[in-house]
Protein backbone atom coordinates (compact mmCIF):
# COMPACT_ATOMS: atom_id res chain seq x y z
CA UNK A 1 -129.95 172.10 -47.92
CA UNK A 2 -128.02 172.42 -44.87
CA UNK A 3 -123.64 172.73 -44.74
CA UNK A 4 -122.21 169.42 -43.20
CA UNK A 5 -120.69 169.96 -39.80
CA UNK A 6 -116.87 169.56 -39.79
CA UNK A 7 -115.49 168.12 -36.33
CA UNK A 8 -113.79 170.16 -33.57
CA UNK A 9 -110.49 170.04 -32.48
CA UNK A 10 -108.21 171.06 -29.97
CA UNK A 11 -105.16 172.17 -32.53
CA UNK A 12 -104.50 175.35 -32.89
CA UNK A 13 -105.49 177.42 -35.62
CA UNK A 14 -102.80 177.94 -38.13
CA UNK A 15 -102.51 180.82 -41.29
CA UNK A 16 -102.04 179.09 -44.06
CA UNK A 17 -100.97 182.69 -45.77
CA UNK A 18 -98.16 183.32 -44.18
CA UNK A 19 -94.75 183.48 -45.70
CA UNK A 20 -92.81 179.99 -44.88
CA UNK A 21 -89.70 180.88 -42.65
CA UNK A 22 -86.32 181.20 -45.71
CA UNK A 23 -84.17 178.38 -45.10
CA UNK A 24 -81.15 179.14 -47.32
CA UNK A 25 -80.88 182.07 -45.41
CA UNK A 26 -77.03 183.12 -43.35
CA UNK A 27 -78.09 182.25 -39.62
CA UNK A 28 -77.61 184.97 -37.22
CA UNK A 29 -76.22 183.21 -34.98
CA UNK A 30 -73.06 184.58 -33.91
CA UNK A 31 -69.36 182.22 -32.19
CA UNK A 32 -68.96 183.54 -28.83
CA UNK A 33 -65.41 183.36 -29.11
CA UNK A 34 -65.39 185.30 -32.62
CA UNK A 35 -63.55 188.54 -33.30
CA UNK A 36 -65.88 191.74 -33.59
CA UNK A 37 -65.45 193.03 -36.92
CA UNK A 38 -67.68 195.97 -36.75
CA UNK A 39 -66.86 199.59 -36.65
CA UNK A 40 -66.63 200.54 -32.86
CA UNK A 41 -69.98 203.55 -32.66
CA UNK A 42 -68.62 206.66 -31.93
CA UNK A 43 -70.55 207.80 -28.69
CA UNK A 44 -71.60 211.16 -27.21
CA UNK A 45 -68.93 212.34 -24.32
CA UNK A 46 -71.09 213.16 -21.79
CA UNK A 47 -73.60 210.20 -22.02
CA UNK A 48 -76.63 211.27 -23.99
CA UNK A 49 -76.28 214.31 -26.01
CA UNK A 50 -79.13 214.85 -28.83
CA UNK A 51 -77.60 217.35 -30.34
CA UNK A 52 -74.58 215.27 -30.24
CA UNK A 53 -75.04 213.93 -34.19
CA UNK A 54 -75.31 217.71 -34.93
CA UNK A 55 -71.61 218.60 -33.85
CA UNK A 56 -69.47 217.38 -36.73
CA UNK A 57 -68.87 219.87 -39.13
CA UNK A 58 -69.06 222.85 -36.31
CA UNK A 59 -65.69 224.13 -37.42
CA UNK A 60 -67.05 225.90 -40.54
CA UNK A 61 -69.57 227.33 -38.56
CA UNK A 62 -67.95 228.60 -35.84
CA UNK A 63 -65.49 230.07 -38.86
CA UNK A 64 -68.46 231.48 -40.64
CA UNK A 65 -70.13 233.13 -37.63
CA UNK A 66 -66.81 234.50 -36.86
CA UNK A 67 -66.45 235.91 -40.32
CA UNK A 68 -70.25 237.36 -39.92
CA UNK A 69 -69.64 238.81 -36.76
CA UNK A 70 -67.01 240.77 -38.06
CA UNK A 71 -69.10 242.19 -40.85
CA UNK A 72 -71.63 242.85 -37.96
CA UNK A 73 -69.36 244.56 -35.86
CA UNK A 74 -68.10 247.12 -38.73
CA UNK A 75 -72.25 247.87 -39.42
CA UNK A 76 -72.77 248.54 -35.70
CA UNK A 77 -69.72 250.63 -35.85
CA UNK A 78 -70.88 252.67 -39.14
CA UNK A 79 -74.27 252.59 -37.43
CA UNK A 80 -72.47 254.53 -34.40
CA UNK A 81 -71.21 256.87 -36.07
CA UNK A 82 -74.53 257.77 -37.75
CA UNK A 83 -76.10 257.96 -34.08
CA UNK A 84 -73.52 260.60 -32.94
CA UNK A 85 -74.32 262.59 -36.16
CA UNK A 86 -77.43 262.33 -35.05
CA UNK A 87 -77.30 263.31 -31.39
CA UNK A 88 -75.01 266.50 -31.98
CA UNK A 89 -77.57 267.91 -34.66
CA UNK A 90 -79.90 266.79 -31.99
CA UNK A 91 -78.52 268.97 -29.58
CA UNK A 92 -77.47 271.79 -31.57
CA UNK A 93 -81.53 271.86 -32.34
CA UNK A 94 -81.93 271.20 -28.60
CA UNK A 95 -80.25 274.58 -28.12
CA UNK A 96 -81.05 276.83 -30.80
CA UNK A 97 -85.15 275.89 -29.51
CA UNK A 98 -83.42 276.71 -26.17
CA UNK A 99 -82.11 280.38 -27.64
CA UNK A 100 -85.30 280.95 -29.91
CA UNK A 101 -87.29 280.19 -26.41
CA UNK A 102 -85.26 283.20 -23.92
CA UNK A 103 -85.27 285.13 -27.01
CA UNK A 104 -88.85 284.84 -26.90
CA UNK A 105 -89.19 285.60 -23.06
CA UNK A 106 -86.98 288.56 -24.04
CA UNK A 107 -88.87 289.68 -26.61
CA UNK A 108 -92.78 288.86 -24.70
CA UNK A 109 -91.10 291.08 -21.39
CA UNK A 110 -90.30 294.21 -23.68
CA UNK A 111 -93.36 293.69 -25.17
CA UNK A 112 -95.72 293.93 -22.17
CA UNK A 113 -93.89 296.91 -20.76
CA UNK A 114 -94.56 298.49 -24.17
CA UNK A 115 -97.47 297.87 -24.17
CA UNK A 116 -97.90 299.02 -20.09
CA UNK A 117 -96.22 302.32 -21.39
CA UNK A 118 -98.88 302.75 -24.33
CA UNK A 119 -102.24 301.92 -21.71
CA UNK A 120 -100.88 304.70 -19.33
CA UNK A 121 -99.91 307.14 -22.33
CA UNK A 122 -103.43 306.58 -23.77
CA UNK A 123 -105.83 307.03 -19.98
CA UNK A 124 -103.60 310.41 -19.88
CA UNK A 125 -104.57 311.23 -23.40
CA UNK A 126 -107.91 310.66 -22.30
CA UNK A 127 -108.13 312.00 -18.96
CA UNK A 128 -106.50 315.49 -20.07
CA UNK A 129 -109.35 315.14 -23.16
CA UNK A 130 -112.41 315.41 -20.55
CA UNK A 131 -110.66 318.23 -18.49
CA UNK A 132 -111.56 321.69 -19.30
CA UNK A 133 -108.47 323.24 -20.07
CA UNK A 134 -107.71 326.66 -18.21
């Protein structure tokens, strides 16, 4: 069995599932001479500024930041005192190392001189031991 054919029309198709417009809704038409009742919108001071909404409340943030900077300054001052003590100790250690180096060089010079004396004395004794006394 075949389906009966429907007649073709030139009328546009309509969607029967779409919601029908409400007739009881107020109209959005405004009268041209009616005064404006909505609050004026705040605008950014220099045109478009994407961070402008975040500028409200910056006074509290600035105060908190200033307090934090004060605490940071105190901490850095304390760190500076520790650092000064560290560098004083480093200078003392460097001076001690330099003095130790000087003392080591003085000792090495004395030791080399003593080794030379011992070497000459040993050579003299060796020569005396090989010669026949007269």
